[in-house]
Amino acid sequence: MKRAAKQRLGIAAGVVVLLALAGWQWQQDRAQAPGTLLKLAPGAISRVALAIGSAPTEHFERRDGHWWRTDGTPVRADDGRLGELTDTASAAVLSWRPASDFDPARIGLASPVAVLTLDDQRLEFGETSVTGPQRYVRVGDRVALVPVRYTPRLATSESRTLQAGKDQ
């Protein structure tokens, strides 16, 4: 075998080894990635319940592509706001830890700031983390840290007024 052919064969073998190592590393990274809060696709969610603080729980259902508040007489809800709430299912988790690692009162989960239920999947929102703009969220027997922007919010009076005008 000529010297040039041996060099090409050596380079090709090196490339194969590097690709194999890169593929292995990618699999390892993917297996260790924290993932999202829920395995639900936001667009597939059809029921939402939201309790913030001591306010009464609000219930919503998706009907014919729009969200409706179902407490009492059904009323059209703000589709944008409900879209934000359902997007919480796919919130990128920064880290997961067992709930047993925490004292619920110290991270605001003894009486959560908000409870968001998406198709019977309960998310309890606690305090913000001291390490950055992150919030503790209990999902079953685990606690996640997620960006604070996923914290559910009350509907603004503007959006309620705007919505009341749409329904008339």
C-alpha atoms as a PDB file:
ATOM      1  CA  MET A   1       0.000   0.000   0.000  1.00  0.00           C
ATOM      2  CA  LYS A   2       1.308   3.404  -0.890  1.00  0.00           C
ATOM      3  CA  ARG A   3       2.115   5.971   1.731  1.00  0.00           C
ATOM      4  CA  ALA A   4      -0.671   8.398   0.569  1.00  0.00           C
ATOM      5  CA  ALA A   5      -3.300   5.645   0.739  1.00  0.00           C
ATOM      6  CA  LYS A   6      -2.204   4.734   4.280  1.00  0.00           C
ATOM      7  CA  GLN A   7      -2.503   8.390   5.314  1.00  0.00           C
ATOM      8  CA  ARG A   8      -6.006   8.645   3.829  1.00  0.00           C
ATOM      9  CA  LEU A   9      -7.032   5.426   5.565  1.00  0.00           C
ATOM     10  CA  GLY A  10      -5.638   6.755   8.869  1.00  0.00           C
ATOM     11  CA  ILE A  11      -7.499  10.049   8.466  1.00  0.00           C
ATOM     12  CA  ALA A  12     -10.737   8.233   7.601  1.00  0.00           C
ATOM     13  CA  ALA A  13     -10.344   5.989  10.679  1.00  0.00           C
ATOM     14  CA  GLY A  14      -9.721   9.077  12.830  1.00  0.00           C
ATOM     15  CA  VAL A  15     -12.853  10.756  11.462  1.00  0.00           C
ATOM     16  CA  VAL A  16     -14.936   7.626  12.191  1.00  0.00           C
ATOM     17  CA  VAL A  17     -13.601   7.499  15.763  1.00  0.00           C
ATOM     18  CA  LEU A  18     -14.345  11.218  16.284  1.00  0.00           C
ATOM     19  CA  LEU A  19     -17.894  10.813  14.934  1.00  0.00           C
ATOM     20  CA  ALA A  20     -18.472   7.817  17.188  1.00  0.00           C
ATOM     21  CA  LEU A  21     -17.237   9.763  20.218  1.00  0.00           C
ATOM     22  CA  ALA A  22     -19.383  12.775  19.287  1.00  0.00           C
ATOM     23  CA  GLY A  23     -22.441  10.526  18.915  1.00  0.00           C
ATOM     24  CA  TRP A  24     -21.768   8.904  22.281  1.00  0.00           C
ATOM     25  CA  GLN A  25     -21.379  12.318  23.952  1.00  0.00           C
ATOM     26  CA  TRP A  26     -24.589  13.565  22.350  1.00  0.00           C
ATOM     27  CA  GLN A  27     -26.478  10.535  23.705  1.00  0.00           C
ATOM     28  CA  GLN A  28     -25.009  11.098  27.180  1.00  0.00           C
ATOM     29  CA  ASP A  29     -25.953  14.784  27.141  1.00  0.00           C
ATOM     30  CA  ARG A  30     -29.447  13.980  25.948  1.00  0.00           C
ATOM     31  CA  ALA A  31     -29.947  11.328  28.630  1.00  0.00           C
ATOM     32  CA  GLN A  32     -28.843  13.757  31.352  1.00  0.00           C
ATOM     33  CA  ALA A  33     -30.818  16.766  30.058  1.00  0.00           C
ATOM     34  CA  PRO A  34     -33.503  17.847  32.527  1.00  0.00           C
ATOM     35  CA  GLY A  35     -36.181  18.115  29.820  1.00  0.00           C
ATOM     36  CA  THR A  36     -39.471  19.930  30.300  1.00  0.00           C
ATOM     37  CA  LEU A  37     -41.952  20.210  33.173  1.00  0.00           C
ATOM     38  CA  LEU A  38     -44.484  17.875  31.570  1.00  0.00           C
ATOM     39  CA  LYS A  39     -44.540  15.439  28.682  1.00  0.00           C
ATOM     40  CA  LEU A  40     -47.719  17.122  27.395  1.00  0.00           C
ATOM     41  CA  ALA A  41     -47.685  19.094  24.150  1.00  0.00           C
ATOM     42  CA  PRO A  42     -49.112  22.577  24.848  1.00  0.00           C
ATOM     43  CA  GLY A  43     -51.385  22.387  21.792  1.00  0.00           C
ATOM     44  CA  ALA A  44     -52.930  19.116  22.996  1.00  0.00           C
ATOM     45  CA  ILE A  45     -54.017  20.463  26.392  1.00  0.00           C
ATOM     46  CA  SER A  46     -57.778  20.866  26.627  1.00  0.00           C
ATOM     47  CA  ARG A  47     -58.404  21.677  30.316  1.00  0.00           C
ATOM     48  CA  VAL A  48     -56.732  24.202  32.600  1.00  0.00           C
ATOM     49  CA  ALA A  49     -57.347  25.034  36.249  1.00  0.00           C
ATOM     50  CA  LEU A  50     -55.525  27.936  37.895  1.00  0.00           C
ATOM     51  CA  ALA A  51     -55.432  28.989  41.536  1.00  0.00           C
ATOM     52  CA  ILE A  52     -53.274  31.957  42.484  1.00  0.00           C
ATOM     53  CA  GLY A  53     -52.862  32.795  46.136  1.00  0.00           C
ATOM     54  CA  SER A  54     -56.179  32.770  47.961  1.00  0.00           C
ATOM     55  CA  ALA A  55     -58.195  33.648  44.834  1.00  0.00           C
ATOM     56  CA  PRO A  56     -60.797  31.075  43.761  1.00  0.00           C
ATOM     57  CA  THR A  57     -59.691  28.470  41.241  1.00  0.00           C
ATOM     58  CA  GLU A  58     -60.451  29.379  37.639  1.00  0.00           C
ATOM     59  CA  HIS A  59     -61.387  26.560  35.242  1.00  0.00           C
ATOM     60  CA  PHE A  60     -60.979  26.680  31.471  1.00  0.00           C
ATOM     61  CA  GLU A  61     -61.687  24.341  28.555  1.00  0.00           C
ATOM     62  CA  ARG A  62     -60.699  24.485  24.923  1.00  0.00           C
ATOM     63  CA  ARG A  63     -63.723  24.302  22.628  1.00  0.00           C
ATOM     64  CA  ASP A  64     -63.561  24.659  18.857  1.00  0.00           C
ATOM     65  CA  GLY A  65     -60.039  26.069  19.046  1.00  0.00           C
ATOM     66  CA  HIS A  66     -60.847  28.743  21.658  1.00  0.00           C
ATOM     67  CA  TRP A  67     -60.614  28.847  25.419  1.00  0.00           C
ATOM     68  CA  TRP A  68     -63.693  29.227  27.597  1.00  0.00           C
ATOM     69  CA  ARG A  69     -63.943  29.929  31.308  1.00  0.00           C
ATOM     70  CA  THR A  70     -66.250  27.248  32.648  1.00  0.00           C
ATOM     71  CA  ASP A  71     -66.944  28.552  36.161  1.00  0.00           C
ATOM     72  CA  GLY A  72     -70.665  29.309  36.118  1.00  0.00           C
ATOM     73  CA  THR A  73     -71.914  30.449  32.715  1.00  0.00           C
ATOM     74  CA  PRO A  74     -69.268  29.687  30.046  1.00  0.00           C
ATOM     75  CA  VAL A  75     -67.476  32.857  28.893  1.00  0.00           C
ATOM     76  CA  ARG A  76     -64.770  33.215  26.224  1.00  0.00           C
ATOM     77  CA  ALA A  77     -61.338  33.513  27.799  1.00  0.00           C
ATOM     78  CA  ASP A  78     -58.213  35.266  26.575  1.00  0.00           C
ATOM     79  CA  ASP A  79     -56.668  32.750  24.148  1.00  0.00           C
ATOM     80  CA  GLY A  80     -53.255  34.438  24.445  1.00  0.00           C
ATOM     81  CA  ARG A  81     -53.201  34.158  28.229  1.00  0.00           C
ATOM     82  CA  LEU A  82     -54.302  30.520  28.123  1.00  0.00           C
ATOM     83  CA  GLY A  83     -51.658  29.868  25.476  1.00  0.00           C
ATOM     84  CA  GLU A  84     -49.054  31.196  27.921  1.00  0.00           C
ATOM     85  CA  LEU A  85     -50.405  28.915  30.634  1.00  0.00           C
ATOM     86  CA  THR A  86     -50.358  25.814  28.426  1.00  0.00           C
ATOM     87  CA  ASP A  87     -46.834  26.683  27.224  1.00  0.00           C
ATOM     88  CA  THR A  88     -45.769  26.105  30.828  1.00  0.00           C
ATOM     89  CA  ALA A  89     -45.996  22.357  30.117  1.00  0.00           C
ATOM     90  CA  SER A  90     -42.995  22.673  27.811  1.00  0.00           C
ATOM     91  CA  ALA A  91     -41.002  24.985  30.097  1.00  0.00           C
ATOM     92  CA  ALA A  92     -37.320  24.069  29.994  1.00  0.00           C
ATOM     93  CA  VAL A  93     -36.283  22.682  33.356  1.00  0.00           C
ATOM     94  CA  LEU A  94     -32.931  23.915  34.626  1.00  0.00           C
ATOM     95  CA  SER A  95     -32.641  21.079  37.158  1.00  0.00           C
ATOM     96  CA  TRP A  96     -34.701  18.388  38.907  1.00  0.00           C
ATOM     97  CA  ARG A  97     -34.372  17.195  42.507  1.00  0.00           C
ATOM     98  CA  PRO A  98     -36.450  14.893  44.668  1.00  0.00           C
ATOM     99  CA  ALA A  99     -39.065  16.783  46.698  1.00  0.00           C
ATOM    100  CA  SER A 100     -37.691  15.054  49.794  1.00  0.00           C
ATOM    101  CA  ASP A 101     -34.500  17.165  49.425  1.00  0.00           C
ATOM    102  CA  PHE A 102     -36.454  20.288  50.415  1.00  0.00           C
ATOM    103  CA  ASP A 103     -38.428  21.683  53.303  1.00  0.00           C
ATOM    104  CA  PRO A 104     -41.616  22.767  51.456  1.00  0.00           C
ATOM    105  CA  ALA A 105     -42.061  25.813  53.709  1.00  0.00           C
ATOM    106  CA  ARG A 106     -38.559  27.137  52.912  1.00  0.00           C
ATOM    107  CA  ILE A 107     -39.168  27.147  49.141  1.00  0.00           C
ATOM    108  CA  GLY A 108     -42.776  28.334  49.239  1.00  0.00           C
ATOM    109  CA  LEU A 109     -44.433  24.997  48.548  1.00  0.00           C
ATOM    110  CA  ALA A 110     -46.182  24.572  51.923  1.00  0.00           C
ATOM    111  CA  SER A 111     -48.770  26.976  50.514  1.00  0.00           C
ATOM    112  CA  PRO A 112     -47.850  27.457  46.833  1.00  0.00           C
ATOM    113  CA  VAL A 113     -47.908  30.869  45.189  1.00  0.00           C
ATOM    114  CA  ALA A 114     -49.927  29.305  42.352  1.00  0.00           C
ATOM    115  CA  VAL A 115     -51.283  25.908  41.364  1.00  0.00           C
ATOM    116  CA  LEU A 116     -51.682  25.231  37.653  1.00  0.00           C
ATOM    117  CA  THR A 117     -53.374  22.028  36.542  1.00  0.00           C
ATOM    118  CA  LEU A 118     -53.012  21.094  32.883  1.00  0.00           C
ATOM    119  CA  ASP A 119     -55.147  18.079  31.887  1.00  0.00           C
ATOM    120  CA  ASP A 120     -54.956  16.655  35.445  1.00  0.00           C
ATOM    121  CA  GLN A 121     -51.175  17.283  35.730  1.00  0.00           C
ATOM    122  CA  ARG A 122     -50.666  19.464  38.815  1.00  0.00           C
ATOM    123  CA  LEU A 123     -47.871  22.066  38.955  1.00  0.00           C
ATOM    124  CA  GLU A 124     -47.285  23.860  42.270  1.00  0.00           C
ATOM    125  CA  PHE A 125     -45.263  27.082  42.085  1.00  0.00           C
ATOM    126  CA  GLY A 126     -43.181  28.110  45.081  1.00  0.00           C
ATOM    127  CA  GLU A 127     -40.771  30.936  45.793  1.00  0.00           C
ATOM    128  CA  THR A 128     -38.093  32.281  43.516  1.00  0.00           C
ATOM    129  CA  SER A 129     -34.614  30.873  43.919  1.00  0.00           C
ATOM    130  CA  VAL A 130     -31.860  32.935  45.515  1.00  0.00           C
ATOM    131  CA  THR A 131     -29.518  31.871  42.705  1.00  0.00           C
ATOM    132  CA  GLY A 132     -31.275  33.745  39.935  1.00  0.00           C
ATOM    133  CA  PRO A 133     -34.584  34.471  38.197  1.00  0.00           C
ATOM    134  CA  GLN A 134     -35.842  30.926  38.732  1.00  0.00           C
ATOM    135  CA  ARG A 135     -38.851  29.466  40.503  1.00  0.00           C
ATOM    136  CA  TYR A 136     -39.345  26.195  42.364  1.00  0.00           C
ATOM    137  CA  VAL A 137     -42.103  24.036  40.854  1.00  0.00           C
ATOM    138  CA  ARG A 138     -43.293  20.787  42.409  1.00  0.00           C
ATOM    139  CA  VAL A 139     -44.405  18.151  39.915  1.00  0.00           C
ATOM    140  CA  GLY A 140     -45.420  14.972  41.700  1.00  0.00           C
ATOM    141  CA  ASP A 141     -42.540  13.852  43.916  1.00  0.00           C
ATOM    142  CA  ARG A 142     -39.914  16.049  42.217  1.00  0.00           C
ATOM    143  CA  VAL A 143     -39.069  19.740  42.329  1.00  0.00           C
ATOM    144  CA  ALA A 144     -37.863  21.602  39.269  1.00  0.00           C
ATOM    145  CA  LEU A 145     -36.205  24.954  38.829  1.00  0.00           C
ATOM    146  CA  VAL A 146     -37.666  26.811  35.846  1.00  0.00           C
ATOM    147  CA  PRO A 147     -37.285  30.360  34.530  1.00  0.00           C
ATOM    148  CA  VAL A 148     -39.479  32.755  36.498  1.00  0.00           C
ATOM    149  CA  ARG A 149     -41.280  33.845  33.298  1.00  0.00           C
ATOM    150  CA  TYR A 150     -43.365  30.648  33.462  1.00  0.00           C
ATOM    151  CA  THR A 151     -45.021  31.734  36.712  1.00  0.00           C
ATOM    152  CA  PRO A 152     -48.802  31.935  36.171  1.00  0.00           C
ATOM    153  CA  ARG A 153     -50.303  35.381  36.553  1.00  0.00           C
ATOM    154  CA  LEU A 154     -53.755  36.728  37.249  1.00  0.00           C
ATOM    155  CA  ALA A 155     -55.707  38.057  34.314  1.00  0.00           C
ATOM    156  CA  THR A 156     -55.349  41.815  34.067  1.00  0.00           C
ATOM    157  CA  SER A 157     -58.425  43.971  34.360  1.00  0.00           C
ATOM    158  CA  GLU A 158     -57.647  45.230  30.853  1.00  0.00           C
ATOM    159  CA  SER A 159     -57.834  41.754  29.371  1.00  0.00           C
ATOM    160  CA  ARG A 160     -61.033  41.031  31.310  1.00  0.00           C
ATOM    161  CA  THR A 161     -62.584  44.270  30.028  1.00  0.00           C
ATOM    162  CA  LEU A 162     -61.380  43.514  26.496  1.00  0.00           C
ATOM    163  CA  GLN A 163     -62.775  39.983  26.735  1.00  0.00           C
ATOM    164  CA  ALA A 164     -66.145  41.222  28.016  1.00  0.00           C
ATOM    165  CA  GLY A 165     -66.394  43.413  24.898  1.00  0.00           C
ATOM    166  CA  LYS A 166     -65.711  40.418  22.606  1.00  0.00           C
ATOM    167  CA  ASP A 167     -68.482  38.373  24.183  1.00  0.00           C
ATOM    168  CA  GLN A 168     -71.188  40.932  23.590  1.00  0.00           C
END
